Amino acid sequence: MVLKLYGASNSLMGGGKAAVALTLIEKEIPFEFISVDLDAGEHKTPEFHVLNPFGLVPVIVDDDGFIVYEGRAICKYLEEKYAGQGTSLLPKDLNDRTKVEQAIFAETTTFFPSAIKAGAEALKPSRGLPIEQAVLHENLKKISDCLDAYEIILARHRFLAGDDFTLADLFHYYVVQFLELASIDIVKDKGPNVTRWWNELLSRPSWIKLIGDGLAGTAWRDLNH
């Protein structure tokens, strides 16, 4: 039995599913993608609730039948179980691991919610709704402030928690395509270290493969965390 990844079937895929798929690629874990038609409500059926009682994607069913939902929890599980293969995404040393965890906390509580709110606001005209400029500007300012802190961190080392790519960096892929869809360039006029880091994320071979496989992109309904 091969690991199964359940995610949105629409062409604008992304969010949690993209982060999970990227982790699977980085860890060199074979998987089968199972599309879930959100428009048809497949994620709200009794059958799907067996996989995730909250009716959200992504979900994985590991090769031993173990079920995990919530994107970040899935990625951490995959790193722990398959620690001996592919890219190491969480260091074993307590101090180094704590640096990753604190960077993840900043991404989850500051960067991610601000990016989602800014992107959703910028995309309102596509749904026939007016932009609330105050909301957009407030969240763009929060993103900018977060990246200013990143600039200081990234002046010290290549990635957010050190010189190695970790889950702290990977979780930023939750919103990469979403921000692009919303025409928001978060690194415009930012410092050289943030710009270098962001461009490195966008050019990472695993991300390029994910785009080629059609598993990148973003539907904002699919941004489970």
Protein backbone atom coordinates (compact mmCIF):
# COMPACT_ATOMS: atom_id res chain seq x y z
CA MET A 1 0.00 0.00 0.00
CA VAL A 2 1.36 3.42 -0.96
CA LEU A 3 0.76 6.57 1.08
CA LYS A 4 -2.31 8.49 -0.12
CA LEU A 5 -2.61 12.29 -0.09
CA TYR A 6 -6.15 13.69 -0.26
CA GLY A 7 -6.47 17.26 -1.51
CA ALA A 8 -8.58 19.62 -3.57
CA SER A 9 -9.26 18.51 -7.13
CA ASN A 10 -9.58 21.98 -8.68
CA SER A 11 -6.72 23.23 -10.82
CA LEU A 12 -5.76 26.00 -8.40
CA MET A 13 -4.34 23.66 -5.79
CA GLY A 14 -2.30 24.68 -2.85
CA GLY A 15 -2.19 25.62 0.79
CA GLY A 16 -1.80 22.67 3.10
CA LYS A 17 -1.77 20.18 0.26
CA ALA A 18 1.15 21.90 -1.45
CA ALA A 19 3.15 21.94 1.80
CA VAL A 20 2.43 18.25 2.40
CA ALA A 21 3.27 17.28 -1.19
CA LEU A 22 6.48 19.29 -0.95
CA THR A 23 7.40 17.44 2.24
CA LEU A 24 6.73 14.12 0.54
CA ILE A 25 9.00 15.10 -2.36
CA GLU A 26 11.75 16.38 -0.03
CA LYS A 27 11.55 13.17 2.00
CA GLU A 28 11.51 11.01 -1.16
CA ILE A 29 8.29 9.30 -0.07
CA PRO A 30 6.22 7.72 -2.87
CA PHE A 31 2.57 8.79 -2.73
CA GLU A 32 -0.69 8.69 -4.62
CA PHE A 33 -2.73 11.88 -4.94
CA ILE A 34 -6.48 11.43 -4.38
CA SER A 35 -8.49 14.39 -5.62
CA VAL A 36 -11.37 15.68 -3.50
CA ASP A 37 -14.01 17.76 -5.29
CA LEU A 38 -14.75 20.59 -2.88
CA ASP A 39 -17.38 22.11 -5.18
CA ALA A 40 -19.31 18.83 -5.11
CA GLY A 41 -18.98 18.66 -1.32
CA GLU A 42 -16.96 15.44 -1.28
CA HIS A 43 -15.12 16.68 1.81
CA LYS A 44 -18.40 16.90 3.74
CA THR A 45 -19.61 13.36 3.16
CA PRO A 46 -19.82 10.73 5.93
CA GLU A 47 -17.15 8.73 4.08
CA PHE A 48 -14.70 11.62 4.14
CA HIS A 49 -15.51 12.40 7.78
CA VAL A 50 -14.01 9.00 8.60
CA LEU A 51 -10.70 10.48 7.38
CA ASN A 52 -11.18 13.93 8.89
CA PRO A 53 -14.16 14.70 11.15
CA PHE A 54 -13.67 18.41 10.40
CA GLY A 55 -14.25 17.84 6.69
CA LEU A 56 -11.06 19.57 5.57
CA VAL A 57 -8.14 18.76 3.29
CA PRO A 58 -5.32 17.81 3.21
CA VAL A 59 -5.40 14.34 4.75
CA ILE A 60 -2.94 11.49 4.40
CA VAL A 61 -3.44 7.78 4.84
CA ASP A 62 0.01 6.30 5.41
CA ASP A 63 1.03 2.98 3.94
CA ASP A 64 0.14 1.26 7.23
CA GLY A 65 -3.35 2.80 7.26
CA PHE A 66 -2.55 5.53 9.83
CA ILE A 67 -4.60 8.69 9.15
CA VAL A 68 -3.28 12.21 9.76
CA TYR A 69 -5.02 15.53 9.05
CA GLU A 70 -4.00 19.19 9.51
CA GLY A 71 -1.20 20.16 7.13
CA ARG A 72 1.49 21.15 9.60
CA ALA A 73 0.85 18.08 11.75
CA ILE A 74 1.15 15.90 8.63
CA CYS A 75 4.49 17.45 7.67
CA LYS A 76 5.92 16.96 11.16
CA TYR A 77 4.68 13.37 11.23
CA LEU A 78 6.31 12.63 7.88
CA GLU A 79 9.62 14.09 9.03
CA GLU A 80 9.55 12.06 12.25
CA LYS A 81 8.57 8.76 10.64
CA TYR A 82 10.85 9.06 7.61
CA ALA A 83 13.71 10.85 9.36
CA GLY A 84 16.30 8.58 7.79
CA GLN A 85 15.58 9.45 4.16
CA GLY A 86 15.54 12.50 1.93
CA THR A 87 15.99 16.00 3.31
CA SER A 88 16.22 16.34 7.09
CA LEU A 89 13.61 18.98 7.96
CA LEU A 90 13.87 18.96 11.77
CA PRO A 91 17.26 18.79 13.54
CA LYS A 92 17.72 16.37 16.44
CA ASP A 93 19.78 18.74 18.60
CA LEU A 94 17.50 20.43 21.16
CA ASN A 95 18.82 23.95 20.60
CA ASP A 96 18.70 23.66 16.81
CA ARG A 97 15.22 22.12 16.91
CA THR A 98 14.00 24.91 19.21
CA LYS A 99 15.18 27.47 16.66
CA VAL A 100 13.05 25.70 14.05
CA GLU A 101 10.03 25.55 16.37
CA GLN A 102 10.23 29.25 17.23
CA ALA A 103 10.48 30.13 13.54
CA ILE A 104 7.46 27.90 12.82
CA PHE A 105 5.55 29.67 15.58
CA ALA A 106 6.31 33.07 14.01
CA GLU A 107 5.20 31.82 10.59
CA THR A 108 2.00 30.25 11.93
CA THR A 109 0.89 33.12 14.17
CA THR A 110 2.15 36.17 12.27
CA PHE A 111 3.15 35.60 8.65
CA PHE A 112 0.48 33.08 7.62
CA PRO A 113 -2.67 34.79 8.97
CA SER A 114 -1.59 38.19 7.66
CA ALA A 115 -0.81 36.77 4.21
CA ILE A 116 -4.18 34.99 4.06
CA LYS A 117 -6.11 38.10 5.10
CA ALA A 118 -4.20 40.35 2.69
CA GLY A 119 -4.58 37.91 -0.20
CA ALA A 120 -8.26 37.31 0.45
CA GLU A 121 -8.86 41.05 0.55
CA ALA A 122 -6.92 41.67 -2.67
CA LEU A 123 -8.93 38.95 -4.43
CA LYS A 124 -12.34 40.34 -3.45
CA PRO A 125 -12.90 42.08 -6.83
CA SER A 126 -12.69 38.68 -8.55
CA ARG A 127 -15.77 37.74 -6.50
CA GLY A 128 -17.55 41.01 -7.22
CA LEU A 129 -16.76 42.51 -3.82
CA PRO A 130 -15.04 45.81 -2.94
CA ILE A 131 -11.65 45.83 -1.26
CA GLU A 132 -11.54 47.14 2.30
CA GLN A 133 -8.36 49.13 1.90
CA ALA A 134 -7.81 49.53 5.65
CA VAL A 135 -7.86 45.74 6.13
CA LEU A 136 -5.53 45.20 3.18
CA HIS A 137 -3.05 47.83 4.32
CA GLU A 138 -3.11 46.61 7.91
CA ASN A 139 -2.20 43.07 6.92
CA LEU A 140 0.39 44.13 4.35
CA LYS A 141 2.00 46.15 7.15
CA LYS A 142 2.02 43.05 9.38
CA ILE A 143 3.70 41.05 6.62
CA SER A 144 6.25 43.81 6.10
CA ASP A 145 7.04 43.99 9.82
CA CYS A 146 7.46 40.21 9.94
CA LEU A 147 9.82 40.30 6.96
CA ASP A 148 11.83 43.08 8.62
CA ALA A 149 12.45 40.67 11.49
CA TYR A 150 13.30 37.94 8.98
CA GLU A 151 15.85 40.29 7.41
CA ILE A 152 17.74 40.42 10.70
CA ILE A 153 17.55 36.64 11.12
CA LEU A 154 18.56 35.91 7.53
CA ALA A 155 21.59 38.18 7.82
CA ARG A 156 22.95 35.59 10.26
CA HIS A 157 22.28 32.43 8.27
CA ARG A 158 20.90 31.12 4.99
CA PHE A 159 17.46 30.00 6.21
CA LEU A 160 15.14 30.99 9.04
CA ALA A 161 16.49 28.52 11.60
CA GLY A 162 20.07 28.11 10.40
CA ASP A 163 21.97 27.22 7.26
CA ASP A 164 19.74 24.25 6.45
CA PHE A 165 16.28 24.23 4.86
CA THR A 166 13.71 23.11 7.46
CA LEU A 167 9.97 23.00 8.05
CA ALA A 168 10.23 26.62 9.20
CA ASP A 169 10.99 27.61 5.61
CA LEU A 170 8.79 24.97 4.00
CA PHE A 171 5.61 26.17 5.73
CA HIS A 172 5.87 29.47 3.85
CA TYR A 173 4.85 27.56 0.71
CA TYR A 174 1.32 27.59 2.14
CA VAL A 175 0.86 31.05 0.64
CA VAL A 176 3.40 31.39 -2.18
CA GLN A 177 0.94 30.80 -5.02
CA PHE A 178 -1.92 32.47 -3.16
CA LEU A 179 0.01 35.74 -2.91
CA GLU A 180 0.99 35.45 -6.57
CA LEU A 181 -2.67 34.93 -7.49
CA ALA A 182 -3.51 38.07 -5.50
CA SER A 183 -0.68 39.99 -7.27
CA ILE A 184 1.02 40.71 -3.95
CA ASP A 185 4.81 40.96 -4.14
CA ILE A 186 5.84 40.71 -0.51
CA VAL A 187 9.57 41.19 -1.10
CA LYS A 188 9.30 44.33 -3.20
CA ASP A 189 11.45 47.00 -1.55
CA LYS A 190 12.53 44.56 1.16
CA GLY A 191 16.09 43.86 2.27
CA PRO A 192 18.60 41.76 0.33
CA ASN A 193 18.52 38.80 2.72
CA VAL A 194 14.75 38.36 2.62
CA THR A 195 14.79 38.74 -1.16
CA ARG A 196 17.55 36.14 -1.50
CA TRP A 197 15.72 33.70 0.79
CA TRP A 198 12.34 34.15 -0.92
CA ASN A 199 13.85 33.70 -4.38
CA GLU A 200 15.65 30.58 -3.17
CA LEU A 201 12.34 29.13 -1.99
CA LEU A 202 10.75 29.83 -5.38
CA SER A 203 13.64 28.17 -7.23
CA ARG A 204 13.98 25.10 -5.00
CA PRO A 205 13.97 21.95 -7.20
CA SER A 206 11.25 20.27 -5.16
CA TRP A 207 8.98 23.29 -5.64
CA ILE A 208 9.67 23.37 -9.38
CA LYS A 209 8.75 19.67 -9.51
CA LEU A 210 5.57 20.32 -7.55
CA ILE A 211 4.53 22.98 -10.05
CA GLY A 212 5.31 20.62 -12.93
CA ASP A 213 3.23 17.90 -11.32
CA GLY A 214 0.26 20.27 -10.98
CA LEU A 215 0.28 20.17 -7.18
CA ALA A 216 1.18 23.80 -6.55
CA GLY A 217 -1.07 26.82 -6.92
CA THR A 218 -3.77 27.86 -4.47
CA ALA A 219 -7.44 27.68 -3.84
CA TRP A 220 -8.01 29.78 -0.74
CA ARG A 221 -10.64 27.30 0.43
CA ASP A 222 -7.83 24.71 0.59
CA LEU A 223 -5.64 26.62 3.03
CA ASN A 224 -6.01 24.26 5.99
CA HIS A 225 -3.45 24.56 8.76
